[in-house]
Amino acid sequence: MQVNDVSDLTAVKNRYHVPAAVQSCHTAVVDGYVVEGHVPVTEIDQMLTERPDIIGVAVAGMPPGSPGMDAGGVTQPYDVVAFDEAGNMEVVASYK
């Protein structure tokens, strides 16, 4: 695994075609796919197993209750969105 701390996250998100509507606090590239934000491992595993024709998956913002965002039992509904290079987005999972 390689970690690169960068000062201009906007350039990274633009390079990997992450739609503005689903941008979050961090961006990872895993086996050629983009993982944006606090995406549950279930959706990452599914993407890596099925290898769909998408750029990646994202959880917009930093919703309480998403992976890594434990907020003392506070949760907020959120969607996991798949996106492609053209900017098309599709909800692939919803968490309540």
PDB file of N, CA and C in Angstrom:
ATOM      1  N   MET A   1       0.840  -1.167   0.000  1.00  0.00           N
ATOM      2  CA  MET A   1       0.000   0.000   0.000  1.00  0.00           C
ATOM      3  C   MET A   1       0.886   1.232   0.000  1.00  0.00           C
ATOM      4  N   GLN A   2       0.488   2.212  -0.773  1.00  0.00           N
ATOM      5  CA  GLN A   2       1.219   3.472  -0.837  1.00  0.00           C
ATOM      6  C   GLN A   2       0.290   4.597  -0.415  1.00  0.00           C
ATOM      7  N   VAL A   3       0.740   5.456   0.473  1.00  0.00           N
ATOM      8  CA  VAL A   3      -0.031   6.599   0.946  1.00  0.00           C
ATOM      9  C   VAL A   3       0.683   7.860   0.486  1.00  0.00           C
ATOM     10  N   ASN A   4      -0.082   8.764  -0.138  1.00  0.00           N
ATOM     11  CA  ASN A   4       0.471  10.039  -0.576  1.00  0.00           C
ATOM     12  C   ASN A   4      -0.332  11.165   0.053  1.00  0.00           C
ATOM     13  N   ASP A   5       0.280  11.918   0.952  1.00  0.00           N
ATOM     14  CA  ASP A   5      -0.362  13.108   1.488  1.00  0.00           C
ATOM     15  C   ASP A   5      -0.161  14.225   0.473  1.00  0.00           C
ATOM     16  N   VAL A   6      -1.258  14.879   0.101  1.00  0.00           N
ATOM     17  CA  VAL A   6      -1.180  15.964  -0.873  1.00  0.00           C
ATOM     18  C   VAL A   6      -1.857  17.200  -0.307  1.00  0.00           C
ATOM     19  N   SER A   7      -1.448  18.357  -0.785  1.00  0.00           N
ATOM     20  CA  SER A   7      -2.037  19.599  -0.293  1.00  0.00           C
ATOM     21  C   SER A   7      -3.225  20.046  -1.148  1.00  0.00           C
ATOM     22  N   ASP A   8      -3.335  19.561  -2.378  1.00  0.00           N
ATOM     23  CA  ASP A   8      -4.415  19.980  -3.270  1.00  0.00           C
ATOM     24  C   ASP A   8      -5.316  18.793  -3.594  1.00  0.00           C
ATOM     25  N   LEU A   9      -6.290  18.542  -2.712  1.00  0.00           N
ATOM     26  CA  LEU A   9      -7.209  17.424  -2.933  1.00  0.00           C
ATOM     27  C   LEU A   9      -8.113  17.643  -4.129  1.00  0.00           C
ATOM     28  N   THR A  10      -8.393  18.885  -4.470  1.00  0.00           N
ATOM     29  CA  THR A  10      -9.243  19.172  -5.629  1.00  0.00           C
ATOM     30  C   THR A  10      -8.621  18.603  -6.897  1.00  0.00           C
ATOM     31  N   ALA A  11      -7.328  18.759  -7.047  1.00  0.00           N
ATOM     32  CA  ALA A  11      -6.639  18.230  -8.234  1.00  0.00           C
ATOM     33  C   ALA A  11      -6.742  16.709  -8.288  1.00  0.00           C
ATOM     34  N   VAL A  12      -6.628  16.051  -7.138  1.00  0.00           N
ATOM     35  CA  VAL A  12      -6.738  14.592  -7.092  1.00  0.00           C
ATOM     36  C   VAL A  12      -8.151  14.165  -7.487  1.00  0.00           C
ATOM     37  N   LYS A  13      -9.160  14.812  -6.925  1.00  0.00           N
ATOM     38  CA  LYS A  13     -10.550  14.464  -7.222  1.00  0.00           C
ATOM     39  C   LYS A  13     -10.857  14.717  -8.699  1.00  0.00           C
ATOM     40  N   ASN A  14     -10.332  15.798  -9.251  1.00  0.00           N
ATOM     41  CA  ASN A  14     -10.532  16.075 -10.678  1.00  0.00           C
ATOM     42  C   ASN A  14      -9.834  15.029 -11.543  1.00  0.00           C
ATOM     43  N   ARG A  15      -8.635  14.650 -11.169  1.00  0.00           N
ATOM     44  CA  ARG A  15      -7.874  13.648 -11.930  1.00  0.00           C
ATOM     45  C   ARG A  15      -8.640  12.332 -12.033  1.00  0.00           C
ATOM     46  N   TYR A  16      -9.329  11.973 -10.949  1.00  0.00           N
ATOM     47  CA  TYR A  16     -10.057  10.708 -10.914  1.00  0.00           C
ATOM     48  C   TYR A  16     -11.553  10.859 -11.192  1.00  0.00           C
ATOM     49  N   HIS A  17     -11.960  12.029 -11.681  1.00  0.00           N
ATOM     50  CA  HIS A  17     -13.339  12.277 -12.126  1.00  0.00           C
ATOM     51  C   HIS A  17     -14.377  12.049 -11.026  1.00  0.00           C
ATOM     52  N   VAL A  18     -14.056  12.445  -9.802  1.00  0.00           N
ATOM     53  CA  VAL A  18     -15.010  12.313  -8.700  1.00  0.00           C
ATOM     54  C   VAL A  18     -16.015  13.456  -8.819  1.00  0.00           C
ATOM     55  N   PRO A  19     -17.301  13.148  -9.015  1.00  0.00           N
ATOM     56  CA  PRO A  19     -18.301  14.215  -9.148  1.00  0.00           C
ATOM     57  C   PRO A  19     -18.355  15.091  -7.888  1.00  0.00           C
ATOM     58  N   ALA A  20     -18.519  16.380  -8.073  1.00  0.00           N
ATOM     59  CA  ALA A  20     -18.561  17.320  -6.948  1.00  0.00           C
ATOM     60  C   ALA A  20     -19.630  16.939  -5.936  1.00  0.00           C
ATOM     61  N   ALA A  21     -20.738  16.402  -6.386  1.00  0.00           N
ATOM     62  CA  ALA A  21     -21.856  16.075  -5.499  1.00  0.00           C
ATOM     63  C   ALA A  21     -21.527  14.976  -4.490  1.00  0.00           C
ATOM     64  N   VAL A  22     -20.488  14.171  -4.746  1.00  0.00           N
ATOM     65  CA  VAL A  22     -20.157  13.068  -3.834  1.00  0.00           C
ATOM     66  C   VAL A  22     -18.754  13.178  -3.246  1.00  0.00           C
ATOM     67  N   GLN A  23     -18.127  14.316  -3.394  1.00  0.00           N
ATOM     68  CA  GLN A  23     -16.782  14.471  -2.850  1.00  0.00           C
ATOM     69  C   GLN A  23     -16.817  14.462  -1.331  1.00  0.00           C
ATOM     70  N   SER A  24     -15.727  13.985  -0.754  1.00  0.00           N
ATOM     71  CA  SER A  24     -15.625  13.853   0.688  1.00  0.00           C
ATOM     72  C   SER A  24     -14.235  14.271   1.141  1.00  0.00           C
ATOM     73  N   CYS A  25     -13.852  13.796   2.309  1.00  0.00           N
ATOM     74  CA  CYS A  25     -12.614  14.232   2.947  1.00  0.00           C
ATOM     75  C   CYS A  25     -11.362  13.546   2.412  1.00  0.00           C
ATOM     76  N   HIS A  26     -11.494  12.391   1.777  1.00  0.00           N
ATOM     77  CA  HIS A  26     -10.308  11.703   1.279  1.00  0.00           C
ATOM     78  C   HIS A  26     -10.661  10.828   0.076  1.00  0.00           C
ATOM     79  N   THR A  27      -9.638  10.545  -0.702  1.00  0.00           N
ATOM     80  CA  THR A  27      -9.792   9.767  -1.932  1.00  0.00           C
ATOM     81  C   THR A  27      -8.740   8.671  -1.929  1.00  0.00           C
ATOM     82  N   ALA A  28      -9.163   7.440  -2.243  1.00  0.00           N
ATOM     83  CA  ALA A  28      -8.229   6.325  -2.349  1.00  0.00           C
ATOM     84  C   ALA A  28      -8.413   5.670  -3.712  1.00  0.00           C
ATOM     85  N   VAL A  29      -7.353   5.090  -4.214  1.00  0.00           N
ATOM     86  CA  VAL A  29      -7.423   4.288  -5.429  1.00  0.00           C
ATOM     87  C   VAL A  29      -7.037   2.869  -5.019  1.00  0.00           C
ATOM     88  N   VAL A  30      -7.978   1.941  -5.243  1.00  0.00           N
ATOM     89  CA  VAL A  30      -7.804   0.556  -4.831  1.00  0.00           C
ATOM     90  C   VAL A  30      -7.980  -0.332  -6.057  1.00  0.00           C
ATOM     91  N   ASP A  31      -6.925  -0.975  -6.476  1.00  0.00           N
ATOM     92  CA  ASP A  31      -6.964  -1.896  -7.613  1.00  0.00           C
ATOM     93  C   ASP A  31      -7.621  -1.251  -8.842  1.00  0.00           C
ATOM     94  N   GLY A  32      -7.293   0.021  -9.068  1.00  0.00           N
ATOM     95  CA  GLY A  32      -7.782   0.727 -10.241  1.00  0.00           C
ATOM     96  C   GLY A  32      -9.109   1.447 -10.065  1.00  0.00           C
ATOM     97  N   TYR A  33      -9.764   1.286  -8.939  1.00  0.00           N
ATOM     98  CA  TYR A  33     -11.039   1.948  -8.653  1.00  0.00           C
ATOM     99  C   TYR A  33     -10.847   3.042  -7.605  1.00  0.00           C
ATOM    100  N   VAL A  34     -11.673   4.081  -7.693  1.00  0.00           N
ATOM    101  CA  VAL A  34     -11.648   5.161  -6.723  1.00  0.00           C
ATOM    102  C   VAL A  34     -12.623   4.846  -5.597  1.00  0.00           C
ATOM    103  N   VAL A  35     -12.182   5.079  -4.371  1.00  0.00           N
ATOM    104  CA  VAL A  35     -13.048   4.988  -3.193  1.00  0.00           C
ATOM    105  C   VAL A  35     -13.005   6.368  -2.554  1.00  0.00           C
ATOM    106  N   GLU A  36     -14.129   7.053  -2.586  1.00  0.00           N
ATOM    107  CA  GLU A  36     -14.223   8.425  -2.095  1.00  0.00           C
ATOM    108  C   GLU A  36     -15.011   8.471  -0.793  1.00  0.00           C
ATOM    109  N   GLY A  37     -14.359   8.908   0.265  1.00  0.00           N
ATOM    110  CA  GLY A  37     -15.048   9.085   1.539  1.00  0.00           C
ATOM    111  C   GLY A  37     -15.174   7.808   2.341  1.00  0.00           C
ATOM    112  N   HIS A  38     -16.206   7.758   3.171  1.00  0.00           N
ATOM    113  CA  HIS A  38     -16.395   6.702   4.170  1.00  0.00           C
ATOM    114  C   HIS A  38     -17.288   5.585   3.631  1.00  0.00           C
ATOM    115  N   VAL A  39     -16.808   4.866   2.639  1.00  0.00           N
ATOM    116  CA  VAL A  39     -17.562   3.788   1.986  1.00  0.00           C
ATOM    117  C   VAL A  39     -17.432   2.505   2.803  1.00  0.00           C
ATOM    118  N   PRO A  40     -18.560   1.845   3.108  1.00  0.00           N
ATOM    119  CA  PRO A  40     -18.486   0.565   3.817  1.00  0.00           C
ATOM    120  C   PRO A  40     -17.728  -0.491   3.007  1.00  0.00           C
ATOM    121  N   VAL A  41     -17.027  -1.359   3.714  1.00  0.00           N
ATOM    122  CA  VAL A  41     -16.219  -2.388   3.069  1.00  0.00           C
ATOM    123  C   VAL A  41     -17.065  -3.324   2.205  1.00  0.00           C
ATOM    124  N   THR A  42     -18.335  -3.508   2.542  1.00  0.00           N
ATOM    125  CA  THR A  42     -19.215  -4.377   1.747  1.00  0.00           C
ATOM    126  C   THR A  42     -19.268  -3.917   0.295  1.00  0.00           C
ATOM    127  N   GLU A  43     -19.444  -2.618   0.083  1.00  0.00           N
ATOM    128  CA  GLU A  43     -19.537  -2.095  -1.291  1.00  0.00           C
ATOM    129  C   GLU A  43     -18.173  -2.095  -1.989  1.00  0.00           C
ATOM    130  N   ILE A  44     -17.107  -1.903  -1.229  1.00  0.00           N
ATOM    131  CA  ILE A  44     -15.772  -1.960  -1.832  1.00  0.00           C
ATOM    132  C   ILE A  44     -15.484  -3.384  -2.286  1.00  0.00           C
ATOM    133  N   ASP A  45     -15.754  -4.363  -1.426  1.00  0.00           N
ATOM    134  CA  ASP A  45     -15.543  -5.765  -1.786  1.00  0.00           C
ATOM    135  C   ASP A  45     -16.371  -6.151  -3.006  1.00  0.00           C
ATOM    136  N   GLN A  46     -17.620  -5.721  -3.031  1.00  0.00           N
ATOM    137  CA  GLN A  46     -18.489  -6.044  -4.159  1.00  0.00           C
ATOM    138  C   GLN A  46     -17.933  -5.465  -5.460  1.00  0.00           C
ATOM    139  N   MET A  47     -17.478  -4.217  -5.420  1.00  0.00           N
ATOM    140  CA  MET A  47     -16.917  -3.582  -6.608  1.00  0.00           C
ATOM    141  C   MET A  47     -15.676  -4.335  -7.082  1.00  0.00           C
ATOM    142  N   LEU A  48     -14.810  -4.702  -6.159  1.00  0.00           N
ATOM    143  CA  LEU A  48     -13.573  -5.390  -6.535  1.00  0.00           C
ATOM    144  C   LEU A  48     -13.818  -6.807  -7.030  1.00  0.00           C
ATOM    145  N   THR A  49     -14.897  -7.430  -6.566  1.00  0.00           N
ATOM    146  CA  THR A  49     -15.243  -8.782  -7.012  1.00  0.00           C
ATOM    147  C   THR A  49     -15.931  -8.759  -8.371  1.00  0.00           C
ATOM    148  N   GLU A  50     -16.904  -7.860  -8.534  1.00  0.00           N
ATOM    149  CA  GLU A  50     -17.714  -7.819  -9.761  1.00  0.00           C
ATOM    150  C   GLU A  50     -17.052  -7.044 -10.888  1.00  0.00           C
ATOM    151  N   ARG A  51     -16.126  -6.132 -10.551  1.00  0.00           N
ATOM    152  CA  ARG A  51     -15.389  -5.331 -11.548  1.00  0.00           C
ATOM    153  C   ARG A  51     -16.321  -4.618 -12.536  1.00  0.00           C
ATOM    154  N   PRO A  52     -17.293  -3.822 -12.037  1.00  0.00           N
ATOM    155  CA  PRO A  52     -18.208  -3.121 -12.941  1.00  0.00           C
ATOM    156  C   PRO A  52     -17.482  -2.044 -13.744  1.00  0.00           C
ATOM    157  N   ASP A  53     -18.130  -1.581 -14.811  1.00  0.00           N
ATOM    158  CA  ASP A  53     -17.569  -0.549 -15.676  1.00  0.00           C
ATOM    159  C   ASP A  53     -17.883   0.829 -15.073  1.00  0.00           C
ATOM    160  N   ILE A  54     -17.229   1.129 -13.963  1.00  0.00           N
ATOM    161  CA  ILE A  54     -17.381   2.402 -13.279  1.00  0.00           C
ATOM    162  C   ILE A  54     -15.996   2.893 -12.889  1.00  0.00           C
ATOM    163  N   ILE A  55     -15.929   4.140 -12.460  1.00  0.00           N
ATOM    164  CA  ILE A  55     -14.662   4.652 -11.942  1.00  0.00           C
ATOM    165  C   ILE A  55     -14.518   4.300 -10.475  1.00  0.00           C
ATOM    166  N   GLY A  56     -15.644   4.392  -9.732  1.00  0.00           N
ATOM    167  CA  GLY A  56     -15.532   4.096  -8.316  1.00  0.00           C
ATOM    168  C   GLY A  56     -16.826   4.270  -7.562  1.00  0.00           C
ATOM    169  N   VAL A  57     -16.695   4.251  -6.239  1.00  0.00           N
ATOM    170  CA  VAL A  57     -17.832   4.405  -5.331  1.00  0.00           C
ATOM    171  C   VAL A  57     -17.521   5.516  -4.335  1.00  0.00           C
ATOM    172  N   ALA A  58     -18.595   6.137  -3.817  1.00  0.00           N
ATOM    173  CA  ALA A  58     -18.404   7.265  -2.916  1.00  0.00           C
ATOM    174  C   ALA A  58     -19.532   7.367  -1.908  1.00  0.00           C
ATOM    175  N   VAL A  59     -19.192   7.948  -0.769  1.00  0.00           N
ATOM    176  CA  VAL A  59     -20.168   8.412   0.210  1.00  0.00           C
ATOM    177  C   VAL A  59     -19.882   9.900   0.373  1.00  0.00           C
ATOM    178  N   ALA A  60     -20.868  10.720   0.034  1.00  0.00           N
ATOM    179  CA  ALA A  60     -20.691  12.169   0.099  1.00  0.00           C
ATOM    180  C   ALA A  60     -20.554  12.651   1.539  1.00  0.00           C
ATOM    181  N   GLY A  61     -19.686  13.619   1.739  1.00  0.00           N
ATOM    182  CA  GLY A  61     -19.528  14.229   3.050  1.00  0.00           C
ATOM    183  C   GLY A  61     -18.945  13.272   4.069  1.00  0.00           C
ATOM    184  N   MET A  62     -19.331  13.469   5.308  1.00  0.00           N
ATOM    185  CA  MET A  62     -18.825  12.655   6.414  1.00  0.00           C
ATOM    186  C   MET A  62     -19.995  12.314   7.337  1.00  0.00           C
ATOM    187  N   PRO A  63     -20.947  11.509   6.865  1.00  0.00           N
ATOM    188  CA  PRO A  63     -22.149  11.264   7.663  1.00  0.00           C
ATOM    189  C   PRO A  63     -21.869  10.491   8.949  1.00  0.00           C
ATOM    190  N   PRO A  64     -22.414  10.960  10.073  1.00  0.00           N
ATOM    191  CA  PRO A  64     -22.269  10.228  11.326  1.00  0.00           C
ATOM    192  C   PRO A  64     -22.824   8.810  11.188  1.00  0.00           C
ATOM    193  N   GLY A  65     -22.073   7.847  11.680  1.00  0.00           N
ATOM    194  CA  GLY A  65     -22.485   6.448  11.598  1.00  0.00           C
ATOM    195  C   GLY A  65     -21.884   5.701  10.425  1.00  0.00           C
ATOM    196  N   SER A  66     -21.285   6.421   9.482  1.00  0.00           N
ATOM    197  CA  SER A  66     -20.594   5.744   8.388  1.00  0.00           C
ATOM    198  C   SER A  66     -19.258   5.228   8.922  1.00  0.00           C
ATOM    199  N   PRO A  67     -18.598   4.292   8.211  1.00  0.00           N
ATOM    200  CA  PRO A  67     -17.332   3.743   8.714  1.00  0.00           C
ATOM    201  C   PRO A  67     -16.323   4.843   9.042  1.00  0.00           C
ATOM    202  N   GLY A  68     -15.794   4.781  10.253  1.00  0.00           N
ATOM    203  CA  GLY A  68     -14.814   5.766  10.690  1.00  0.00           C
ATOM    204  C   GLY A  68     -15.412   7.042  11.237  1.00  0.00           C
ATOM    205  N   MET A  69     -16.717   7.147  11.216  1.00  0.00           N
ATOM    206  CA  MET A  69     -17.378   8.371  11.685  1.00  0.00           C
ATOM    207  C   MET A  69     -18.300   8.059  12.856  1.00  0.00           C
ATOM    208  N   ASP A  70     -17.800   7.314  13.807  1.00  0.00           N
ATOM    209  CA  ASP A  70     -18.581   7.026  15.012  1.00  0.00           C
ATOM    210  C   ASP A  70     -18.806   8.326  15.764  1.00  0.00           C
ATOM    211  N   ALA A  71     -20.057   8.572  16.078  1.00  0.00           N
ATOM    212  CA  ALA A  71     -20.415   9.838  16.717  1.00  0.00           C
ATOM    213  C   ALA A  71     -21.228   9.583  17.983  1.00  0.00           C
ATOM    214  N   GLY A  72     -20.740   8.695  18.825  1.00  0.00           N
ATOM    215  CA  GLY A  72     -21.433   8.439  20.075  1.00  0.00           C
ATOM    216  C   GLY A  72     -22.833   7.903  19.896  1.00  0.00           C
ATOM    217  N   GLY A  73     -23.020   7.034  18.923  1.00  0.00           N
ATOM    218  CA  GLY A  73     -24.326   6.441  18.675  1.00  0.00           C
ATOM    219  C   GLY A  73     -25.214   7.247  17.740  1.00  0.00           C
ATOM    220  N   VAL A  74     -24.777   8.439  17.353  1.00  0.00           N
ATOM    221  CA  VAL A  74     -25.545   9.263  16.419  1.00  0.00           C
ATOM    222  C   VAL A  74     -25.322   8.729  15.012  1.00  0.00           C
ATOM    223  N   THR A  75     -26.397   8.531  14.271  1.00  0.00           N
ATOM    224  CA  THR A  75     -26.277   8.086  12.882  1.00  0.00           C
ATOM    225  C   THR A  75     -27.118   8.979  11.985  1.00  0.00           C
ATOM    226  N   GLN A  76     -26.737   9.012  10.743  1.00  0.00           N
ATOM    227  CA  GLN A  76     -27.446   9.781   9.729  1.00  0.00           C
ATOM    228  C   GLN A  76     -27.578   8.887   8.500  1.00  0.00           C
ATOM    229  N   PRO A  77     -28.742   8.827   7.868  1.00  0.00           N
ATOM    230  CA  PRO A  77     -28.865   8.022   6.643  1.00  0.00           C
ATOM    231  C   PRO A  77     -27.888   8.528   5.575  1.00  0.00           C
ATOM    232  N   TYR A  78     -27.363   7.590   4.786  1.00  0.00           N
ATOM    233  CA  TYR A  78     -26.492   7.978   3.682  1.00  0.00           C
ATOM    234  C   TYR A  78     -26.556   6.928   2.580  1.00  0.00           C
ATOM    235  N   ASP A  79     -26.165   7.346   1.391  1.00  0.00           N
ATOM    236  CA  ASP A  79     -26.135   6.466   0.226  1.00  0.00           C
ATOM    237  C   ASP A  79     -24.698   6.224  -0.204  1.00  0.00           C
ATOM    238  N   VAL A  80     -24.463   5.045  -0.757  1.00  0.00           N
ATOM    239  CA  VAL A  80     -23.216   4.735  -1.447  1.00  0.00           C
ATOM    240  C   VAL A  80     -23.533   4.845  -2.935  1.00  0.00           C
ATOM    241  N   VAL A  81     -22.754   5.643  -3.628  1.00  0.00           N
ATOM    242  CA  VAL A  81     -23.012   5.958  -5.031  1.00  0.00           C
ATOM    243  C   VAL A  81     -21.863   5.447  -5.889  1.00  0.00           C
ATOM    244  N   ALA A  82     -22.208   4.771  -6.991  1.00  0.00           N
ATOM    245  CA  ALA A  82     -21.211   4.407  -8.005  1.00  0.00           C
ATOM    246  C   ALA A  82     -21.200   5.519  -9.043  1.00  0.00           C
ATOM    247  N   PHE A  83     -20.029   5.818  -9.604  1.00  0.00           N
ATOM    248  CA  PHE A  83     -19.952   6.863 -10.625  1.00  0.00           C
ATOM    249  C   PHE A  83     -19.011   6.443 -11.744  1.00  0.00           C
ATOM    250  N   ASP A  84     -19.303   6.984 -12.937  1.00  0.00           N
ATOM    251  CA  ASP A  84     -18.457   6.669 -14.093  1.00  0.00           C
ATOM    252  C   ASP A  84     -17.780   7.936 -14.594  1.00  0.00           C
ATOM    253  N   GLU A  85     -16.960   7.795 -15.613  1.00  0.00           N
ATOM    254  CA  GLU A  85     -16.170   8.911 -16.124  1.00  0.00           C
ATOM    255  C   GLU A  85     -17.029  10.034 -16.693  1.00  0.00           C
ATOM    256  N   ALA A  86     -18.226   9.698 -17.180  1.00  0.00           N
ATOM    257  CA  ALA A  86     -19.131  10.706 -17.743  1.00  0.00           C
ATOM    258  C   ALA A  86     -19.862  11.491 -16.657  1.00  0.00           C
ATOM    259  N   GLY A  87     -19.688  11.098 -15.394  1.00  0.00           N
ATOM    260  CA  GLY A  87     -20.359  11.789 -14.309  1.00  0.00           C
ATOM    261  C   GLY A  87     -21.701  11.184 -13.930  1.00  0.00           C
ATOM    262  N   ASN A  88     -22.053  10.072 -14.578  1.00  0.00           N
ATOM    263  CA  ASN A  88     -23.294   9.389 -14.213  1.00  0.00           C
ATOM    264  C   ASN A  88     -23.129   8.772 -12.830  1.00  0.00           C
ATOM    265  N   MET A  89     -24.204   8.855 -12.033  1.00  0.00           N
ATOM    266  CA  MET A  89     -24.160   8.310 -10.686  1.00  0.00           C
ATOM    267  C   MET A  89     -25.369   7.430 -10.451  1.00  0.00           C
ATOM    268  N   GLU A  90     -25.165   6.382  -9.660  1.00  0.00           N
ATOM    269  CA  GLU A  90     -26.243   5.446  -9.325  1.00  0.00           C
ATOM    270  C   GLU A  90     -26.058   5.011  -7.875  1.00  0.00           C
ATOM    271  N   VAL A  91     -27.145   5.078  -7.100  1.00  0.00           N
ATOM    272  CA  VAL A  91     -27.099   4.605  -5.726  1.00  0.00           C
ATOM    273  C   VAL A  91     -27.013   3.085  -5.749  1.00  0.00           C
ATOM    274  N   VAL A  92     -25.985   2.544  -5.098  1.00  0.00           N
ATOM    275  CA  VAL A  92     -25.793   1.097  -5.049  1.00  0.00           C
ATOM    276  C   VAL A  92     -26.122   0.511  -3.671  1.00  0.00           C
ATOM    277  N   ALA A  93     -26.234   1.365  -2.661  1.00  0.00           N
ATOM    278  CA  ALA A  93     -26.622   0.917  -1.323  1.00  0.00           C
ATOM    279  C   ALA A  93     -27.074   2.138  -0.524  1.00  0.00           C
ATOM    280  N   SER A  94     -28.022   1.894   0.366  1.00  0.00           N
ATOM    281  CA  SER A  94     -28.489   2.947   1.274  1.00  0.00           C
ATOM    282  C   SER A  94     -28.409   2.427   2.701  1.00  0.00           C
ATOM    283  N   TYR A  95     -27.934   3.267   3.572  1.00  0.00           N
ATOM    284  CA  TYR A  95     -27.829   2.938   4.987  1.00  0.00           C
ATOM    285  C   TYR A  95     -28.694   3.888   5.773  1.00  0.00           C
ATOM    286  N   LYS A  96     -29.528   3.324   6.639  1.00  0.00           N
ATOM    287  CA  LYS A  96     -30.454   4.144   7.430  1.00  0.00           C
ATOM    288  C   LYS A  96     -29.968   4.219   8.819  1.00  0.00           C
TER     289      LYS A  96
END
